[in-house]
């Protein structure tokens, strides 16, 4: 089982999705577990502040170290093997291969640990000792996703992060949407979550930059657009040949 703990100020923006479709199926089968930590609970002062203005000036507010460290450490006090993921523009680009490695609880690409232009090796998410401790806590692998907000975060927060992940060259308001994307792309790859045995194997990006072949269902003729006859032929050799010819690449 894979457990995700989401540290966020906006649980209500994340939780409904995790209770639907494949995410619900995964939890109902005991294949995935989702937990939440309210960052505000670790805020400072009477107003439970979690942010402040940046040193050196500039617009916006930054997440402070104290509440973030306290929130993460509260999770790690219960499961020291938990690994921290931070959605951030400086991270490794999220790919299907990385999602597959996280789903299989394998060593993610070392490139996801790039810091200041250097690659830093990290231990596997689940070492033997960590696996034993996690299994005692009812989970074989535990990822903590920190959802940043506001203008950004204090750079020192990166010292407690294991995996920095970027979804692309654009900026979002907060880390909640990236967290959902990371979770969905990993959980759907856990065996028995999707319906077919090869559902997660024969699809776009299942092998590098490949694009899946076109697919059709009923009706045969829709507004003059018909299904290729080869797909109705029953000739599996010809169907495979057609699909191979019509599979593409992003390159």
Protein backbone atom coordinates (compact mmCIF):
# COMPACT_ATOMS: atom_id res chain seq x y z
CA UNK A 1 0.00 0.00 0.00
CA UNK A 2 1.08 3.57 -0.65
CA UNK A 3 0.15 6.31 1.78
CA UNK A 4 0.06 9.99 0.93
CA UNK A 5 -0.04 12.68 3.59
CA UNK A 6 -0.93 16.09 2.16
CA UNK A 7 0.20 19.15 4.11
CA UNK A 8 -2.03 22.00 3.00
CA UNK A 9 -3.93 25.09 4.04
CA UNK A 10 -6.84 24.09 1.80
CA UNK A 11 -7.88 20.51 2.47
CA UNK A 12 -11.30 21.24 0.97
CA UNK A 13 -9.65 21.82 -2.41
CA UNK A 14 -8.07 18.36 -2.45
CA UNK A 15 -10.20 15.90 -0.51
CA UNK A 16 -13.28 15.64 -2.80
CA UNK A 17 -11.22 14.40 -5.74
CA UNK A 18 -9.56 11.74 -3.62
CA UNK A 19 -12.99 10.35 -2.75
CA UNK A 20 -14.00 9.70 -6.35
CA UNK A 21 -13.30 7.30 -9.23
CA UNK A 22 -10.00 5.42 -9.19
CA UNK A 23 -8.80 7.16 -6.05
CA UNK A 24 -11.83 5.91 -4.14
CA UNK A 25 -11.36 2.46 -5.64
CA UNK A 26 -7.73 2.36 -4.48
CA UNK A 27 -8.63 3.31 -0.92
CA UNK A 28 -11.59 0.91 -0.77
CA UNK A 29 -9.26 -1.92 -1.78
CA UNK A 30 -6.67 -0.92 0.77
CA UNK A 31 -4.13 -0.11 -1.93
CA UNK A 32 -3.78 3.58 -1.09
CA UNK A 33 -4.39 5.81 1.90
CA UNK A 34 -4.77 9.58 2.05
CA UNK A 35 -4.21 11.69 5.13
CA UNK A 36 -4.15 15.44 5.71
CA UNK A 37 -2.21 17.82 7.91
CA UNK A 38 -3.45 21.37 8.31
CA UNK A 39 -0.43 23.65 8.07
CA UNK A 40 -2.36 26.31 9.98
CA UNK A 41 -2.29 24.10 13.08
CA UNK A 42 1.44 24.80 13.26
CA UNK A 43 1.14 28.55 12.65
CA UNK A 44 2.76 31.14 14.88
CA UNK A 45 1.13 33.57 17.28
CA UNK A 46 -2.53 34.18 18.07
CA UNK A 47 -3.42 34.31 14.37
CA UNK A 48 -1.56 31.08 13.52
CA UNK A 49 0.53 32.86 10.89
CA UNK A 50 2.41 30.64 8.42
CA UNK A 51 3.91 33.30 6.14
CA UNK A 52 5.82 36.58 6.20
CA UNK A 53 7.34 39.17 3.88
CA UNK A 54 10.60 38.29 2.07
CA UNK A 55 13.94 39.64 3.20
CA UNK A 56 15.31 42.08 0.63
CA UNK A 57 11.84 43.31 -0.32
CA UNK A 58 9.47 42.30 -3.05
CA UNK A 59 5.81 41.51 -3.52
CA UNK A 60 4.00 38.61 -1.94
CA UNK A 61 4.45 36.47 1.13
CA UNK A 62 6.64 33.42 1.74
CA UNK A 63 5.91 30.31 3.78
CA UNK A 64 7.98 30.40 6.95
CA UNK A 65 10.31 27.61 8.02
CA UNK A 66 8.89 27.06 11.51
CA UNK A 67 5.37 25.86 10.66
CA UNK A 68 6.53 23.82 7.66
CA UNK A 69 9.28 22.02 9.59
CA UNK A 70 6.93 21.42 12.52
CA UNK A 71 4.24 19.97 10.25
CA UNK A 72 6.65 17.65 8.44
CA UNK A 73 8.35 16.59 11.67
CA UNK A 74 4.96 15.75 13.18
CA UNK A 75 4.44 13.23 10.37
CA UNK A 76 7.96 11.86 10.57
CA UNK A 77 7.61 11.37 14.32
CA UNK A 78 4.98 8.74 13.49
CA UNK A 79 6.77 7.35 10.41
CA UNK A 80 10.47 8.22 10.12
CA UNK A 81 10.63 6.56 6.69
CA UNK A 82 8.17 9.03 5.13
CA UNK A 83 9.63 10.90 2.14
CA UNK A 84 8.77 14.53 1.43
CA UNK A 85 7.72 15.75 -2.02
CA UNK A 86 7.60 19.45 -2.88
CA UNK A 87 5.94 20.71 -6.08
CA UNK A 88 8.29 23.48 -7.22
CA UNK A 89 9.49 25.09 -10.47
CA UNK A 90 13.08 24.13 -9.60
CA UNK A 91 12.26 20.43 -9.47
CA UNK A 92 12.66 17.55 -11.88
CA UNK A 93 10.01 17.44 -14.60
CA UNK A 94 7.32 14.91 -13.66
CA UNK A 95 7.04 12.11 -16.21
CA UNK A 96 5.24 8.80 -16.60
CA UNK A 97 8.50 7.01 -15.83
CA UNK A 98 8.87 8.85 -12.52
CA UNK A 99 5.24 8.10 -11.66
CA UNK A 100 5.86 4.44 -12.41
CA UNK A 101 8.93 4.35 -10.17
CA UNK A 102 7.04 5.93 -7.28
CA UNK A 103 4.15 3.50 -7.79
CA UNK A 104 6.56 0.54 -7.75
CA UNK A 105 8.36 2.04 -4.73
CA UNK A 106 11.60 1.99 -6.69
CA UNK A 107 14.48 4.43 -6.71
CA UNK A 108 13.20 7.55 -8.52
CA UNK A 109 15.40 9.21 -11.12
CA UNK A 110 18.41 10.77 -9.41
CA UNK A 111 17.83 13.83 -11.59
CA UNK A 112 14.88 14.67 -9.34
CA UNK A 113 17.44 15.53 -6.68
CA UNK A 114 19.15 18.24 -8.74
CA UNK A 115 20.34 21.09 -6.51
CA UNK A 116 22.34 24.05 -7.76
CA UNK A 117 23.22 22.19 -10.93
CA UNK A 118 24.60 19.14 -9.14
CA UNK A 119 23.04 15.72 -8.87
CA UNK A 120 22.82 14.45 -5.31
CA UNK A 121 22.23 10.76 -4.78
CA UNK A 122 19.42 9.88 -2.41
CA UNK A 123 18.54 6.54 -0.83
CA UNK A 124 15.65 4.49 -2.15
CA UNK A 125 12.23 5.62 -0.86
CA UNK A 126 11.84 2.26 0.84
CA UNK A 127 14.95 0.69 2.30
CA UNK A 128 14.68 -2.62 4.12
CA UNK A 129 14.64 -1.05 7.57
CA UNK A 130 12.30 1.72 6.53
CA UNK A 131 9.97 -0.81 4.91
CA UNK A 132 9.78 -2.80 8.15
CA UNK A 133 8.96 0.33 10.15
CA UNK A 134 6.38 1.42 7.60
CA UNK A 135 4.67 -1.96 7.56
CA UNK A 136 4.26 -1.72 11.31
CA UNK A 137 2.41 1.52 10.69
CA UNK A 138 0.19 -0.18 8.12
CA UNK A 139 1.87 1.21 5.02
CA UNK A 140 4.68 -0.06 2.81
CA UNK A 141 5.52 3.36 1.40
CA UNK A 142 4.68 6.82 2.67
CA UNK A 143 4.99 10.10 0.76
CA UNK A 144 4.36 13.51 2.30
CA UNK A 145 3.39 16.21 -0.18
CA UNK A 146 3.87 19.80 0.96
CA UNK A 147 1.54 22.21 -0.84
CA UNK A 148 3.22 25.63 -1.00
CA UNK A 149 1.13 28.75 -1.35
CA UNK A 150 1.41 32.52 -1.63
CA UNK A 151 4.52 33.86 -3.41
CA UNK A 152 6.61 30.85 -2.50
CA UNK A 153 8.57 29.40 0.40
CA UNK A 154 11.68 30.11 2.44
CA UNK A 155 14.57 28.43 0.61
CA UNK A 156 15.67 26.63 3.76
CA UNK A 157 12.56 24.45 3.53
CA UNK A 158 14.30 22.56 0.71
CA UNK A 159 16.67 21.05 3.29
CA UNK A 160 13.85 18.87 4.59
CA UNK A 161 12.55 17.89 1.13
CA UNK A 162 13.48 14.57 -0.51
CA UNK A 163 11.96 15.01 -3.97
CA UNK A 164 11.47 18.29 -5.82
CA UNK A 165 8.92 17.90 -8.61
CA UNK A 166 7.97 20.31 -11.42
CA UNK A 167 4.87 19.80 -13.56
CA UNK A 168 6.00 22.18 -16.28
CA UNK A 169 7.03 25.72 -17.12
CA UNK A 170 4.06 27.51 -15.60
CA UNK A 171 3.01 28.73 -12.16
CA UNK A 172 -0.10 27.84 -10.18
CA UNK A 173 -1.65 29.56 -7.18
CA UNK A 174 -0.76 26.74 -4.82
CA UNK A 175 0.51 23.21 -4.56
CA UNK A 176 -2.87 21.52 -4.24
CA UNK A 177 -3.38 20.85 -7.96
CA UNK A 178 0.18 19.52 -8.42
CA UNK A 179 -0.35 17.28 -5.38
CA UNK A 180 -3.48 15.80 -6.96
CA UNK A 181 -1.72 15.26 -10.28
CA UNK A 182 1.20 13.50 -8.62
CA UNK A 183 -1.10 11.33 -6.50
CA UNK A 184 -3.42 10.41 -9.38
CA UNK A 185 -0.59 9.52 -11.75
CA UNK A 186 1.00 7.26 -9.12
CA UNK A 187 -2.10 5.61 -7.65
CA UNK A 188 -3.56 4.61 -11.02
CA UNK A 189 -0.38 2.60 -11.67
CA UNK A 190 -0.75 0.49 -8.53
CA UNK A 191 -1.69 -3.04 -9.63
CA UNK A 192 -5.44 -3.78 -9.42
CA UNK A 193 -6.47 -0.12 -9.38
CA UNK A 194 -7.29 0.08 -13.09
CA UNK A 195 -9.64 -2.47 -14.61
CA UNK A 196 -7.54 -4.26 -17.25
CA UNK A 197 -4.26 -6.04 -16.63
CA UNK A 198 -2.53 -3.96 -19.31
CA UNK A 199 -4.52 -0.74 -18.87
CA UNK A 200 -1.52 1.14 -17.54
CA UNK A 201 0.93 -0.46 -19.98
CA UNK A 202 -0.70 0.23 -23.35
CA UNK A 203 -1.19 3.99 -23.16
CA UNK A 204 0.56 7.22 -24.04
CA UNK A 205 3.97 7.76 -22.41
CA UNK A 206 4.06 4.15 -21.15
CA UNK A 207 7.36 3.80 -23.03
CA UNK A 208 9.17 7.11 -23.10
CA UNK A 209 7.55 9.62 -25.47
CA UNK A 210 5.20 7.21 -27.20
CA UNK A 211 1.63 8.23 -28.02
CA UNK A 212 -1.11 5.62 -27.95
CA UNK A 213 -2.87 4.57 -31.16
CA UNK A 214 -6.32 6.04 -31.94
CA UNK A 215 -9.26 4.18 -30.41
CA UNK A 216 -12.94 3.90 -31.35
CA UNK A 217 -16.19 2.56 -29.92
CA UNK A 218 -19.84 2.41 -31.06
CA UNK A 219 -21.42 3.66 -33.26
CA UNK A 220 -19.58 2.56 -36.40
CA UNK A 221 -20.75 5.64 -38.32
CA UNK A 222 -21.12 8.95 -36.53
CA UNK A 223 -21.98 11.92 -38.75
CA UNK A 224 -20.10 10.39 -41.65
CA UNK A 225 -17.02 9.58 -39.60
CA UNK A 226 -16.52 5.80 -39.65
CA UNK A 227 -14.39 3.38 -37.69
CA UNK A 228 -11.43 1.95 -39.65
CA UNK A 229 -12.62 -1.37 -41.06
CA UNK A 230 -9.49 -3.20 -39.95
CA UNK A 231 -10.61 -2.81 -36.33
CA UNK A 232 -13.78 -4.76 -37.12
CA UNK A 233 -11.98 -7.45 -39.13
CA UNK A 234 -11.22 -9.80 -36.25
CA UNK A 235 -7.72 -10.23 -37.70
CA UNK A 236 -5.58 -9.57 -34.63
CA UNK A 237 -2.38 -9.55 -36.64
CA UNK A 238 -3.67 -6.83 -38.95
CA UNK A 239 -5.15 -4.91 -36.01
CA UNK A 240 -1.79 -4.93 -34.22
CA UNK A 241 -0.06 -3.83 -37.40
CA UNK A 242 -2.53 -0.95 -37.83
CA UNK A 243 -2.13 0.12 -34.21
CA UNK A 244 1.67 0.01 -34.46
CA UNK A 245 1.56 2.12 -37.62
CA UNK A 246 -0.72 4.68 -35.99
CA UNK A 247 1.14 4.95 -32.69
CA UNK A 248 3.22 8.07 -32.52
CA UNK A 249 5.80 9.97 -30.57
CA UNK A 250 6.00 13.45 -29.13
CA UNK A 251 9.39 13.88 -30.75
